[in-house]
Every structure is written in C-alpha cells, then in structure tokens.
Amino acid sequence: MPLNAQTQIVLDQIKQSGLPPLNELDPIPAREQAAQADQFSHKPEPVASVDNRTIPGSTVDIPIRIYTPAGNPPFPVLVFFHGGGWVIGSLDAVDSICRTLANQAGCIVVSVDYRLAPEHKFPAAVEDTYTATEWVAKNAASFHGDPKRIAVGGDSAGGNLAAVVALLSRDRNFPSLSYQVLFYPATQYGFDTDSHRQNGKDYLLTTELLVWFWHHYLPSAADGQNPQASPLLADDLSNLPPALIITAEYDPLRDEGEAYGIRLQKAGVPVRITRYDGTIHGFIGMAHLLDQGREALAEAAVALQSQFN
C-alpha cells in the first residue's frame, strides 16, 4: 500500500528541516542531531517510580533506568535496549516507549545504556546488554522484579541486541528468558534484500545510513558474519524464547526481520510477525504523530502481558 498520510507528513517535516543525513556527519554531531527527534515521541506517561543507577560491566559501569508500574510486586521484567545503529541513541530516546510498556504490560522495564560505537566497537554492546540481562536475573528481587519472568526487547539495533542476548542466554544456560520483543530488528550484516532495493532511499532509514552504522559498529566486515552481530546467521535457532517481531513496510530492514521470524518458526519457536503497512522504520518512536506507533506498542504490551501471566 502507499505511505499513509501521517507517515508522509513526518517525512515531509524532516525533509523541510534541511538537516543533513546522519551518515554525512561524524558520530558525535550525529548523536546531537538525532536527539532532536525526541519531539516525535509521544508524551511520557507517569509511572510509579523511575530509578537511574549503574551496574558493574566488564570494563566500565553500565547506566540503567528502572521503570516500575503501579501495582503489587513482584513484577515481571522487560530488559530493553534502545536503537540507533549501535552509534546513536540513549536512555532518553526510548523513555516514552519504556514508560508505556511498563504501564500497559504491567511490568518493570529496565532500559540499558550500552556502550556506543565507534568508541566501543562490536562486541562491546553485546557484552553490556548480556551483562545487564544477567544482572537483572540475579538481582530482580532487589527492585521488586520476578527473576522467573524476564523478557528482552529493543528497537532496530536494540532489536538486534535483544535477539543476540536471547541466543547467548540459551547457549550459556542463564538467564532463562520468557519472551523477546523485536521492533524492526537488524538481523544480518548485508544490504542485498528486496526491502533494501525497494526502501533504501527516501524513507528516513536509508541503505547508505545502514552502511554507515555497520561501518562504525564492526571492527571489520568479517565480523559481520559472526552470529553475535548477525543473529540470522546462527546455525541453530531452536529452544529460544517465544517472540513478537514487528516490521514496517517501507523499511530496508523489513525482510531480514521477517526472515529471522520465519527461521525461528521453522526451529519450533512460537513467533508472531506483524508488518505495519504504509509506514517506515522507527515508527514506534514517532507515536506522538503516528497512530501505528501507539498500536504497535499496545500490541507488544498485550503480548508481554499474555506471556508473563
């Protein structure tokens, strides 16, 4: 279907801003420019409590933000990883998303501020996100969480990291995860899919920008063949937690996200794949202007609540 009217308005606003594409900038100014996109997020909802803290990482402490909803503990926990191509993004960028998921799913959300590339290349983000998930499982009771009901989730690069953490958790036999929510995830280093050819220009996330992200993230192109960078290349996808995979029609990452879901299904993992037609990558972070962003968050919350109960 054609782009829907709300998405076209967003793209027109971005075009009229005259801002350069992120891939024409160095990483630090790119982060500063990307932070301006917070205006597209929906209004942050109040939650019962928000706690900023740091936890021990492999080399440095990892900042996290814990969102607790109203209700009676212990709460299930969603460990959430922000997007941004492993180069940009922050806790603040997904603040509205985390608050809404906490309230609607009735779970604690632990948002993880992993190290960014190119200052910290692959596998630094993988190490931080797995370490944070492991910490949550070991310390859930200390913040009213239930260590037996833990899910992982993320958007874009964060969806990539959530998928990788699920694989690592299976392979290392800890922690036991209940679910994974992958919003338009990157699942493979490569740019040769129909969705790249169809949507690689003009829809905000471009193939050129994805090349830029991967270039900054990976120490070398050969690292892109590592399943911890490209989970679609993992030999075995069996015995992973059930998944919800949400994609967008006009997204160059659409096909690899859906291909990951199909491979999970073939491996016997319960998966729901939902494509939101007529919209673009990042639409969940634009829920202030896009009804589909709010719809996708509600879908994820219902899926989480169903899996936790």
C-alpha atoms as a PDB file:
ATOM      1  CA  MET A   1       0.000   0.000   0.000  1.00  0.00           C
ATOM      2  CA  PRO A   2       1.181   3.614  -0.388  1.00  0.00           C
ATOM      3  CA  LEU A   3       2.663   5.545   2.516  1.00  0.00           C
ATOM      4  CA  ASN A   4      -0.116   6.557   4.861  1.00  0.00           C
ATOM      5  CA  ALA A   5      -0.873  10.242   5.293  1.00  0.00           C
ATOM      6  CA  GLN A   6       0.553  10.535   8.809  1.00  0.00           C
ATOM      7  CA  THR A   7       3.876   8.970   7.781  1.00  0.00           C
ATOM      8  CA  GLN A   8       4.103  11.218   4.719  1.00  0.00           C
ATOM      9  CA  ILE A   9       3.663  14.283   6.929  1.00  0.00           C
ATOM     10  CA  VAL A  10       6.543  13.140   9.159  1.00  0.00           C
ATOM     11  CA  LEU A  11       8.813  12.592   6.167  1.00  0.00           C
ATOM     12  CA  ASP A  12       7.861  15.994   4.762  1.00  0.00           C
ATOM     13  CA  GLN A  13       8.657  17.675   8.085  1.00  0.00           C
ATOM     14  CA  ILE A  14      12.059  16.007   8.225  1.00  0.00           C
ATOM     15  CA  LYS A  15      12.815  16.996   4.638  1.00  0.00           C
ATOM     16  CA  GLN A  16      11.746  20.590   5.257  1.00  0.00           C
ATOM     17  CA  SER A  17      14.044  20.816   8.279  1.00  0.00           C
ATOM     18  CA  GLY A  18      17.027  20.884   5.939  1.00  0.00           C
ATOM     19  CA  LEU A  19      19.099  18.769   8.305  1.00  0.00           C
ATOM     20  CA  PRO A  20      21.825  16.677   6.665  1.00  0.00           C
ATOM     21  CA  PRO A  21      21.573  12.872   6.645  1.00  0.00           C
ATOM     22  CA  LEU A  22      23.258  11.373   9.714  1.00  0.00           C
ATOM     23  CA  ASN A  23      25.687   9.470   7.521  1.00  0.00           C
ATOM     24  CA  GLU A  24      27.148  12.783   6.354  1.00  0.00           C
ATOM     25  CA  LEU A  25      28.108  13.631   9.937  1.00  0.00           C
ATOM     26  CA  ASP A  26      30.654  12.350  12.419  1.00  0.00           C
ATOM     27  CA  PRO A  27      29.183  10.237  15.221  1.00  0.00           C
ATOM     28  CA  ILE A  28      29.106  12.915  17.947  1.00  0.00           C
ATOM     29  CA  PRO A  29      27.226  15.571  15.922  1.00  0.00           C
ATOM     30  CA  ALA A  30      25.043  12.757  14.564  1.00  0.00           C
ATOM     31  CA  ARG A  31      24.054  11.914  18.141  1.00  0.00           C
ATOM     32  CA  GLU A  32      23.264  15.546  18.847  1.00  0.00           C
ATOM     33  CA  GLN A  33      21.111  15.838  15.731  1.00  0.00           C
ATOM     34  CA  ALA A  34      19.332  12.541  16.374  1.00  0.00           C
ATOM     35  CA  ALA A  35      18.397  13.699  19.863  1.00  0.00           C
ATOM     36  CA  GLN A  36      16.219  16.374  18.262  1.00  0.00           C
ATOM     37  CA  ALA A  37      13.930  13.598  17.006  1.00  0.00           C
ATOM     38  CA  ASP A  38      12.596  13.189  20.554  1.00  0.00           C
ATOM     39  CA  GLN A  39       9.886  15.687  19.508  1.00  0.00           C
ATOM     40  CA  PHE A  40       8.229  12.845  17.568  1.00  0.00           C
ATOM     41  CA  SER A  41       7.911  10.675  20.689  1.00  0.00           C
ATOM     42  CA  HIS A  42       4.601  10.568  22.489  1.00  0.00           C
ATOM     43  CA  LYS A  43       4.204  12.357  25.803  1.00  0.00           C
ATOM     44  CA  PRO A  44       5.962  10.452  28.606  1.00  0.00           C
ATOM     45  CA  GLU A  45       3.447   8.713  30.844  1.00  0.00           C
ATOM     46  CA  PRO A  46       3.809   8.832  34.623  1.00  0.00           C
ATOM     47  CA  VAL A  47       4.871   5.556  36.233  1.00  0.00           C
ATOM     48  CA  ALA A  48       5.048   4.656  39.904  1.00  0.00           C
ATOM     49  CA  SER A  49       8.820   5.151  40.047  1.00  0.00           C
ATOM     50  CA  VAL A  50      11.884   5.748  37.893  1.00  0.00           C
ATOM     51  CA  ASP A  51      15.308   4.828  39.226  1.00  0.00           C
ATOM     52  CA  ASN A  52      18.575   5.750  37.493  1.00  0.00           C
ATOM     53  CA  ARG A  53      21.556   3.697  38.602  1.00  0.00           C
ATOM     54  CA  THR A  54      24.698   1.992  37.354  1.00  0.00           C
ATOM     55  CA  ILE A  55      25.641  -1.666  37.468  1.00  0.00           C
ATOM     56  CA  PRO A  56      29.048  -3.320  37.063  1.00  0.00           C
ATOM     57  CA  GLY A  57      30.094  -4.032  33.483  1.00  0.00           C
ATOM     58  CA  SER A  58      33.029  -5.958  32.067  1.00  0.00           C
ATOM     59  CA  THR A  59      35.249  -2.861  31.952  1.00  0.00           C
ATOM     60  CA  VAL A  60      33.085   0.109  32.990  1.00  0.00           C
ATOM     61  CA  ASP A  61      29.819   0.580  34.837  1.00  0.00           C
ATOM     62  CA  ILE A  62      26.634   0.369  32.742  1.00  0.00           C
ATOM     63  CA  PRO A  63      23.922   3.013  33.278  1.00  0.00           C
ATOM     64  CA  ILE A  64      20.389   1.634  33.517  1.00  0.00           C
ATOM     65  CA  ARG A  65      16.973   3.149  34.162  1.00  0.00           C
ATOM     66  CA  ILE A  66      14.344   1.121  36.007  1.00  0.00           C
ATOM     67  CA  TYR A  67      10.670   1.916  35.375  1.00  0.00           C
ATOM     68  CA  THR A  68       8.233   0.426  37.877  1.00  0.00           C
ATOM     69  CA  PRO A  69       4.468   0.498  37.253  1.00  0.00           C
ATOM     70  CA  ALA A  70       1.747   0.798  39.836  1.00  0.00           C
ATOM     71  CA  GLY A  71       0.541  -2.495  41.270  1.00  0.00           C
ATOM     72  CA  ASN A  72       1.580  -5.292  43.535  1.00  0.00           C
ATOM     73  CA  PRO A  73       5.076  -6.778  43.286  1.00  0.00           C
ATOM     74  CA  PRO A  74       6.807  -8.906  42.285  1.00  0.00           C
ATOM     75  CA  PHE A  75       6.564  -7.668  38.712  1.00  0.00           C
ATOM     76  CA  PRO A  76       7.747  -9.374  35.545  1.00  0.00           C
ATOM     77  CA  VAL A  77      10.671  -7.593  33.914  1.00  0.00           C
ATOM     78  CA  LEU A  78      11.403  -6.424  30.375  1.00  0.00           C
ATOM     79  CA  VAL A  79      15.065  -5.601  29.708  1.00  0.00           C
ATOM     80  CA  PHE A  80      15.025  -3.055  26.876  1.00  0.00           C
ATOM     81  CA  PHE A  81      17.808  -1.961  24.503  1.00  0.00           C
ATOM     82  CA  HIS A  82      17.486   1.269  22.552  1.00  0.00           C
ATOM     83  CA  GLY A  83      18.071   1.575  18.822  1.00  0.00           C
ATOM     84  CA  GLY A  84      20.331   3.929  16.923  1.00  0.00           C
ATOM     85  CA  GLY A  85      22.558   1.696  14.844  1.00  0.00           C
ATOM     86  CA  TRP A  86      24.835   0.987  17.842  1.00  0.00           C
ATOM     87  CA  VAL A  87      26.194   4.527  17.248  1.00  0.00           C
ATOM     88  CA  ILE A  88      23.458   6.914  18.407  1.00  0.00           C
ATOM     89  CA  GLY A  89      20.567   6.568  20.845  1.00  0.00           C
ATOM     90  CA  SER A  90      20.211   6.846  24.599  1.00  0.00           C
ATOM     91  CA  LEU A  91      18.004   6.102  27.580  1.00  0.00           C
ATOM     92  CA  ASP A  92      16.157   9.363  26.935  1.00  0.00           C
ATOM     93  CA  ALA A  93      15.416   8.411  23.323  1.00  0.00           C
ATOM     94  CA  VAL A  94      13.261   5.465  24.449  1.00  0.00           C
ATOM     95  CA  ASP A  95      11.920   6.985  27.664  1.00  0.00           C
ATOM     96  CA  SER A  96       8.344   7.310  26.377  1.00  0.00           C
ATOM     97  CA  ILE A  97       8.412   3.785  24.933  1.00  0.00           C
ATOM     98  CA  CYS A  98       9.621   2.258  28.197  1.00  0.00           C
ATOM     99  CA  ARG A  99       7.047   4.106  30.285  1.00  0.00           C
ATOM    100  CA  THR A 100       4.185   2.985  28.063  1.00  0.00           C
ATOM    101  CA  LEU A 101       5.334  -0.638  28.025  1.00  0.00           C
ATOM    102  CA  ALA A 102       5.710  -0.623  31.817  1.00  0.00           C
ATOM    103  CA  ASN A 103       2.182   0.673  32.294  1.00  0.00           C
ATOM    104  CA  GLN A 104       0.404  -1.321  29.606  1.00  0.00           C
ATOM    105  CA  ALA A 105       2.218  -4.620  30.179  1.00  0.00           C
ATOM    106  CA  GLY A 106       2.266  -4.250  33.968  1.00  0.00           C
ATOM    107  CA  CYS A 107       5.975  -4.994  34.102  1.00  0.00           C
ATOM    108  CA  ILE A 108       9.165  -3.365  35.268  1.00  0.00           C
ATOM    109  CA  VAL A 109      11.214  -2.103  32.336  1.00  0.00           C
ATOM    110  CA  VAL A 110      14.991  -1.947  32.724  1.00  0.00           C
ATOM    111  CA  SER A 111      16.421   0.257  29.974  1.00  0.00           C
ATOM    112  CA  VAL A 112      20.128  -0.315  29.285  1.00  0.00           C
ATOM    113  CA  ASP A 113      22.592   2.376  28.163  1.00  0.00           C
ATOM    114  CA  TYR A 114      25.171   0.132  26.499  1.00  0.00           C
ATOM    115  CA  ARG A 115      28.471   1.447  25.117  1.00  0.00           C
ATOM    116  CA  LEU A 116      28.277   3.005  21.665  1.00  0.00           C
ATOM    117  CA  ALA A 117      30.450   2.643  18.576  1.00  0.00           C
ATOM    118  CA  PRO A 118      32.811   3.689  17.125  1.00  0.00           C
ATOM    119  CA  GLU A 119      34.401   4.457  20.502  1.00  0.00           C
ATOM    120  CA  HIS A 120      33.410   0.940  21.595  1.00  0.00           C
ATOM    121  CA  LYS A 121      33.065  -1.399  18.647  1.00  0.00           C
ATOM    122  CA  PHE A 122      31.459  -4.837  18.491  1.00  0.00           C
ATOM    123  CA  PRO A 123      31.180  -6.813  20.706  1.00  0.00           C
ATOM    124  CA  ALA A 124      31.083  -4.118  23.436  1.00  0.00           C
ATOM    125  CA  ALA A 125      27.328  -3.537  23.067  1.00  0.00           C
ATOM    126  CA  VAL A 126      26.707  -7.295  23.158  1.00  0.00           C
ATOM    127  CA  GLU A 127      28.793  -7.662  26.314  1.00  0.00           C
ATOM    128  CA  ASP A 128      26.939  -4.805  28.036  1.00  0.00           C
ATOM    129  CA  THR A 129      23.444  -5.952  27.113  1.00  0.00           C
ATOM    130  CA  TYR A 130      24.058  -9.560  28.132  1.00  0.00           C
ATOM    131  CA  THR A 131      25.750  -8.435  31.362  1.00  0.00           C
ATOM    132  CA  ALA A 132      22.786  -6.205  32.170  1.00  0.00           C
ATOM    133  CA  THR A 133      20.309  -9.012  31.496  1.00  0.00           C
ATOM    134  CA  GLU A 134      22.329 -11.359  33.689  1.00  0.00           C
ATOM    135  CA  TRP A 135      22.384  -8.709  36.450  1.00  0.00           C
ATOM    136  CA  VAL A 136      18.605  -8.295  36.227  1.00  0.00           C
ATOM    137  CA  ALA A 137      18.097 -12.044  36.640  1.00  0.00           C
ATOM    138  CA  LYS A 138      20.386 -12.182  39.662  1.00  0.00           C
ATOM    139  CA  ASN A 139      19.095  -9.014  41.328  1.00  0.00           C
ATOM    140  CA  ALA A 140      15.448  -8.798  40.284  1.00  0.00           C
ATOM    141  CA  ALA A 141      14.141  -9.291  43.801  1.00  0.00           C
ATOM    142  CA  SER A 142      16.058  -6.209  44.969  1.00  0.00           C
ATOM    143  CA  PHE A 143      13.869  -3.948  42.806  1.00  0.00           C
ATOM    144  CA  HIS A 144      10.589  -5.909  43.146  1.00  0.00           C
ATOM    145  CA  GLY A 145      11.108  -7.936  39.963  1.00  0.00           C
ATOM    146  CA  ASP A 146      10.366 -11.592  39.385  1.00  0.00           C
ATOM    147  CA  PRO A 147      13.523 -13.439  38.221  1.00  0.00           C
ATOM    148  CA  LYS A 148      11.368 -16.203  36.714  1.00  0.00           C
ATOM    149  CA  ARG A 149       9.585 -13.813  34.341  1.00  0.00           C
ATOM    150  CA  ILE A 150      12.170 -11.885  32.316  1.00  0.00           C
ATOM    151  CA  ALA A 151      11.857 -10.796  28.694  1.00  0.00           C
ATOM    152  CA  VAL A 152      14.201  -8.879  26.413  1.00  0.00           C
ATOM    153  CA  GLY A 153      13.283  -6.328  23.790  1.00  0.00           C
ATOM    154  CA  GLY A 154      14.565  -3.500  21.674  1.00  0.00           C
ATOM    155  CA  ASP A 155      14.114  -1.449  18.546  1.00  0.00           C
ATOM    156  CA  SER A 156      16.326  -1.592  15.437  1.00  0.00           C
ATOM    157  CA  ALA A 157      19.907  -2.111  16.673  1.00  0.00           C
ATOM    158  CA  GLY A 158      18.334  -2.746  20.079  1.00  0.00           C
ATOM    159  CA  GLY A 159      16.232  -5.481  18.493  1.00  0.00           C
ATOM    160  CA  ASN A 160      19.442  -6.966  17.126  1.00  0.00           C
ATOM    161  CA  LEU A 161      20.931  -6.937  20.613  1.00  0.00           C
ATOM    162  CA  ALA A 162      17.810  -8.459  22.160  1.00  0.00           C
ATOM    163  CA  ALA A 163      17.938 -11.330  19.667  1.00  0.00           C
ATOM    164  CA  VAL A 164      21.640 -11.856  20.384  1.00  0.00           C
ATOM    165  CA  VAL A 165      21.105 -11.775  24.147  1.00  0.00           C
ATOM    166  CA  ALA A 166      18.414 -14.426  23.764  1.00  0.00           C
ATOM    167  CA  LEU A 167      20.883 -16.610  21.868  1.00  0.00           C
ATOM    168  CA  LEU A 168      23.621 -16.068  24.438  1.00  0.00           C
ATOM    169  CA  SER A 169      21.256 -16.762  27.325  1.00  0.00           C
ATOM    170  CA  ARG A 170      20.311 -20.080  25.749  1.00  0.00           C
ATOM    171  CA  ASP A 171      23.911 -21.040  24.991  1.00  0.00           C
ATOM    172  CA  ARG A 172      25.151 -20.070  28.467  1.00  0.00           C
ATOM    173  CA  ASN A 173      22.137 -21.598  30.236  1.00  0.00           C
ATOM    174  CA  PHE A 174      21.398 -18.320  32.029  1.00  0.00           C
ATOM    175  CA  PRO A 175      19.196 -16.446  32.397  1.00  0.00           C
ATOM    176  CA  SER A 176      16.025 -18.248  31.409  1.00  0.00           C
ATOM    177  CA  LEU A 177      14.024 -15.786  29.303  1.00  0.00           C
ATOM    178  CA  SER A 178      10.247 -15.753  28.867  1.00  0.00           C
ATOM    179  CA  TYR A 179       9.900 -13.694  25.695  1.00  0.00           C
ATOM    180  CA  GLN A 180      11.590 -11.430  23.147  1.00  0.00           C
ATOM    181  CA  VAL A 181      10.071  -8.339  21.524  1.00  0.00           C
ATOM    182  CA  LEU A 182      11.929  -7.229  18.419  1.00  0.00           C
ATOM    183  CA  PHE A 183      10.825  -3.947  16.859  1.00  0.00           C
ATOM    184  CA  TYR A 184      12.115  -3.779  13.248  1.00  0.00           C
ATOM    185  CA  PRO A 185      15.386  -5.518  14.165  1.00  0.00           C
ATOM    186  CA  ALA A 186      18.616  -5.597  12.201  1.00  0.00           C
ATOM    187  CA  THR A 187      19.435  -9.284  11.951  1.00  0.00           C
ATOM    188  CA  GLN A 188      22.152  -9.577   9.301  1.00  0.00           C
ATOM    189  CA  TYR A 189      25.095  -7.564   8.040  1.00  0.00           C
ATOM    190  CA  GLY A 190      24.273  -7.089   4.381  1.00  0.00           C
ATOM    191  CA  PHE A 191      22.265  -4.874   2.080  1.00  0.00           C
ATOM    192  CA  ASP A 192      21.048  -7.192  -0.681  1.00  0.00           C
ATOM    193  CA  THR A 193      17.367  -7.769   0.028  1.00  0.00           C
ATOM    194  CA  ASP A 194      14.209  -6.732  -1.756  1.00  0.00           C
ATOM    195  CA  SER A 195      13.383  -4.346   1.073  1.00  0.00           C
ATOM    196  CA  HIS A 196      16.765  -2.652   0.689  1.00  0.00           C
ATOM    197  CA  ARG A 197      16.191  -2.290  -3.048  1.00  0.00           C
ATOM    198  CA  GLN A 198      12.635  -1.040  -2.565  1.00  0.00           C
ATOM    199  CA  ASN A 199      13.118   1.148   0.504  1.00  0.00           C
ATOM    200  CA  GLY A 200      16.817   2.020   0.621  1.00  0.00           C
ATOM    201  CA  LYS A 201      16.181   5.669  -0.260  1.00  0.00           C
ATOM    202  CA  ASP A 202      13.653   8.338   0.709  1.00  0.00           C
ATOM    203  CA  TYR A 203      12.214   6.662   3.835  1.00  0.00           C
ATOM    204  CA  LEU A 204      14.410   8.121   6.606  1.00  0.00           C
ATOM    205  CA  LEU A 205      16.475   4.999   7.265  1.00  0.00           C
ATOM    206  CA  THR A 206      18.492   4.538   4.084  1.00  0.00           C
ATOM    207  CA  THR A 207      20.867   1.862   2.894  1.00  0.00           C
ATOM    208  CA  GLU A 208      23.651   4.486   2.977  1.00  0.00           C
ATOM    209  CA  LEU A 209      22.924   5.183   6.631  1.00  0.00           C
ATOM    210  CA  LEU A 210      22.879   1.471   7.455  1.00  0.00           C
ATOM    211  CA  VAL A 211      26.276   1.066   5.773  1.00  0.00           C
ATOM    212  CA  TRP A 212      27.497   3.961   7.954  1.00  0.00           C
ATOM    213  CA  PHE A 213      26.127   2.360  11.121  1.00  0.00           C
ATOM    214  CA  TRP A 214      27.633  -1.062  10.392  1.00  0.00           C
ATOM    215  CA  HIS A 215      30.973   0.533   9.411  1.00  0.00           C
ATOM    216  CA  HIS A 216      31.204   2.244  12.782  1.00  0.00           C
ATOM    217  CA  TYR A 217      29.972  -0.810  14.717  1.00  0.00           C
ATOM    218  CA  LEU A 218      32.097  -3.600  13.271  1.00  0.00           C
ATOM    219  CA  PRO A 219      35.895  -3.803  13.629  1.00  0.00           C
ATOM    220  CA  SER A 220      35.926  -5.403  10.174  1.00  0.00           C
ATOM    221  CA  ALA A 221      33.449  -6.615   7.574  1.00  0.00           C
ATOM    222  CA  ALA A 222      34.394 -10.186   8.509  1.00  0.00           C
ATOM    223  CA  ASP A 223      32.866  -9.606  11.951  1.00  0.00           C
ATOM    224  CA  GLY A 224      29.518  -9.214  10.219  1.00  0.00           C
ATOM    225  CA  GLN A 225      29.493 -12.996   9.737  1.00  0.00           C
ATOM    226  CA  ASN A 226      29.570 -13.546  13.499  1.00  0.00           C
ATOM    227  CA  PRO A 227      26.103 -14.588  14.749  1.00  0.00           C
ATOM    228  CA  GLN A 228      26.579 -12.220  17.680  1.00  0.00           C
ATOM    229  CA  ALA A 229      26.457  -9.421  15.100  1.00  0.00           C
ATOM    230  CA  SER A 230      24.122 -11.147  12.623  1.00  0.00           C
ATOM    231  CA  PRO A 231      21.772 -13.461  14.547  1.00  0.00           C
ATOM    232  CA  LEU A 232      20.120 -14.533  11.283  1.00  0.00           C
ATOM    233  CA  LEU A 233      23.371 -16.412  10.576  1.00  0.00           C
ATOM    234  CA  ALA A 234      23.200 -18.515  13.752  1.00  0.00           C
ATOM    235  CA  ASP A 235      23.266 -22.220  12.916  1.00  0.00           C
ATOM    236  CA  ASP A 236      20.621 -23.187  15.465  1.00  0.00           C
ATOM    237  CA  LEU A 237      17.608 -21.078  16.473  1.00  0.00           C
ATOM    238  CA  SER A 238      15.813 -23.770  18.462  1.00  0.00           C
ATOM    239  CA  ASN A 239      14.962 -23.539  22.169  1.00  0.00           C
ATOM    240  CA  LEU A 240      14.758 -19.755  22.133  1.00  0.00           C
ATOM    241  CA  PRO A 241      12.045 -17.759  23.915  1.00  0.00           C
ATOM    242  CA  PRO A 242       8.827 -17.022  22.015  1.00  0.00           C
ATOM    243  CA  ALA A 243       8.970 -13.817  20.009  1.00  0.00           C
ATOM    244  CA  LEU A 244       6.983 -10.916  18.657  1.00  0.00           C
ATOM    245  CA  ILE A 245       8.636  -9.358  15.613  1.00  0.00           C
ATOM    246  CA  ILE A 246       7.223  -6.072  14.356  1.00  0.00           C
ATOM    247  CA  THR A 247       8.283  -4.702  10.965  1.00  0.00           C
ATOM    248  CA  ALA A 248       7.377  -1.745   8.748  1.00  0.00           C
ATOM    249  CA  GLU A 249       6.516  -1.962   5.049  1.00  0.00           C
ATOM    250  CA  TYR A 250       8.780   0.913   3.969  1.00  0.00           C
ATOM    251  CA  ASP A 251      11.840  -0.177   5.926  1.00  0.00           C
ATOM    252  CA  PRO A 252      15.051  -1.526   4.386  1.00  0.00           C
ATOM    253  CA  LEU A 253      15.301  -3.863   7.413  1.00  0.00           C
ATOM    254  CA  ARG A 254      11.845  -5.354   6.807  1.00  0.00           C
ATOM    255  CA  ASP A 255      12.946  -8.520   5.022  1.00  0.00           C
ATOM    256  CA  GLU A 256      15.728  -9.512   7.416  1.00  0.00           C
ATOM    257  CA  GLY A 257      13.451  -9.018  10.419  1.00  0.00           C
ATOM    258  CA  GLU A 258      10.764 -11.193   8.869  1.00  0.00           C
ATOM    259  CA  ALA A 259      13.345 -13.756   7.710  1.00  0.00           C
ATOM    260  CA  TYR A 260      14.517 -14.080  11.315  1.00  0.00           C
ATOM    261  CA  GLY A 261      10.958 -14.717  12.441  1.00  0.00           C
ATOM    262  CA  ILE A 262      10.458 -17.370   9.772  1.00  0.00           C
ATOM    263  CA  ARG A 263      13.669 -19.124  10.784  1.00  0.00           C
ATOM    264  CA  LEU A 264      12.573 -19.078  14.430  1.00  0.00           C
ATOM    265  CA  GLN A 265       9.237 -20.604  13.432  1.00  0.00           C
ATOM    266  CA  LYS A 266      10.973 -23.336  11.433  1.00  0.00           C
ATOM    267  CA  ALA A 267      13.088 -24.071  14.515  1.00  0.00           C
ATOM    268  CA  GLY A 268       9.933 -24.629  16.554  1.00  0.00           C
ATOM    269  CA  VAL A 269       9.838 -21.283  18.358  1.00  0.00           C
ATOM    270  CA  PRO A 270       6.386 -19.675  18.741  1.00  0.00           C
ATOM    271  CA  VAL A 271       6.570 -16.385  16.819  1.00  0.00           C
ATOM    272  CA  ARG A 272       4.177 -13.681  15.736  1.00  0.00           C
ATOM    273  CA  ILE A 273       5.335 -11.469  12.873  1.00  0.00           C
ATOM    274  CA  THR A 274       3.344  -8.276  12.363  1.00  0.00           C
ATOM    275  CA  ARG A 275       4.072  -5.974   9.450  1.00  0.00           C
ATOM    276  CA  TYR A 276       2.690  -2.435   9.759  1.00  0.00           C
ATOM    277  CA  ASP A 277       1.880  -1.384   6.233  1.00  0.00           C
ATOM    278  CA  GLY A 278       2.240   2.153   4.926  1.00  0.00           C
ATOM    279  CA  THR A 279       4.850   3.285   7.435  1.00  0.00           C
ATOM    280  CA  ILE A 280       8.603   3.471   7.986  1.00  0.00           C
ATOM    281  CA  HIS A 281      11.422   2.330  10.234  1.00  0.00           C
ATOM    282  CA  GLY A 282      11.315   3.965  13.655  1.00  0.00           C
ATOM    283  CA  PHE A 283       7.569   4.487  13.689  1.00  0.00           C
ATOM    284  CA  ILE A 284       7.220   3.319  17.288  1.00  0.00           C
ATOM    285  CA  GLY A 285       9.392   6.237  18.368  1.00  0.00           C
ATOM    286  CA  MET A 286       7.061   8.580  16.467  1.00  0.00           C
ATOM    287  CA  ALA A 287       3.908   7.673  18.359  1.00  0.00           C
ATOM    288  CA  HIS A 288       3.234  11.363  19.014  1.00  0.00           C
ATOM    289  CA  LEU A 289       2.359  11.701  15.319  1.00  0.00           C
ATOM    290  CA  LEU A 290       1.729   8.141  14.119  1.00  0.00           C
ATOM    291  CA  ASP A 291      -1.263   6.126  15.282  1.00  0.00           C
ATOM    292  CA  GLN A 292       0.543   2.962  14.204  1.00  0.00           C
ATOM    293  CA  GLY A 293       3.276   3.678  16.737  1.00  0.00           C
ATOM    294  CA  ARG A 294       0.757   3.578  19.548  1.00  0.00           C
ATOM    295  CA  GLU A 295      -0.890   0.490  18.045  1.00  0.00           C
ATOM    296  CA  ALA A 296       2.421  -1.382  17.892  1.00  0.00           C
ATOM    297  CA  LEU A 297       3.245  -0.514  21.493  1.00  0.00           C
ATOM    298  CA  ALA A 298      -0.173  -1.781  22.552  1.00  0.00           C
ATOM    299  CA  GLU A 299       0.368  -4.999  20.583  1.00  0.00           C
ATOM    300  CA  ALA A 300       3.716  -5.544  22.295  1.00  0.00           C
ATOM    301  CA  ALA A 301       2.248  -4.831  25.723  1.00  0.00           C
ATOM    302  CA  VAL A 302      -0.592  -7.320  25.221  1.00  0.00           C
ATOM    303  CA  ALA A 303       1.885  -9.963  24.009  1.00  0.00           C
ATOM    304  CA  LEU A 304       4.127  -9.412  27.006  1.00  0.00           C
ATOM    305  CA  GLN A 305       1.256  -9.472  29.466  1.00  0.00           C
ATOM    306  CA  SER A 306      -0.065 -12.698  27.933  1.00  0.00           C
ATOM    307  CA  GLN A 307       3.345 -14.351  28.120  1.00  0.00           C
ATOM    308  CA  PHE A 308       4.034 -13.228  31.684  1.00  0.00           C
ATOM    309  CA  ASN A 309       0.675 -14.402  33.041  1.00  0.00           C
END
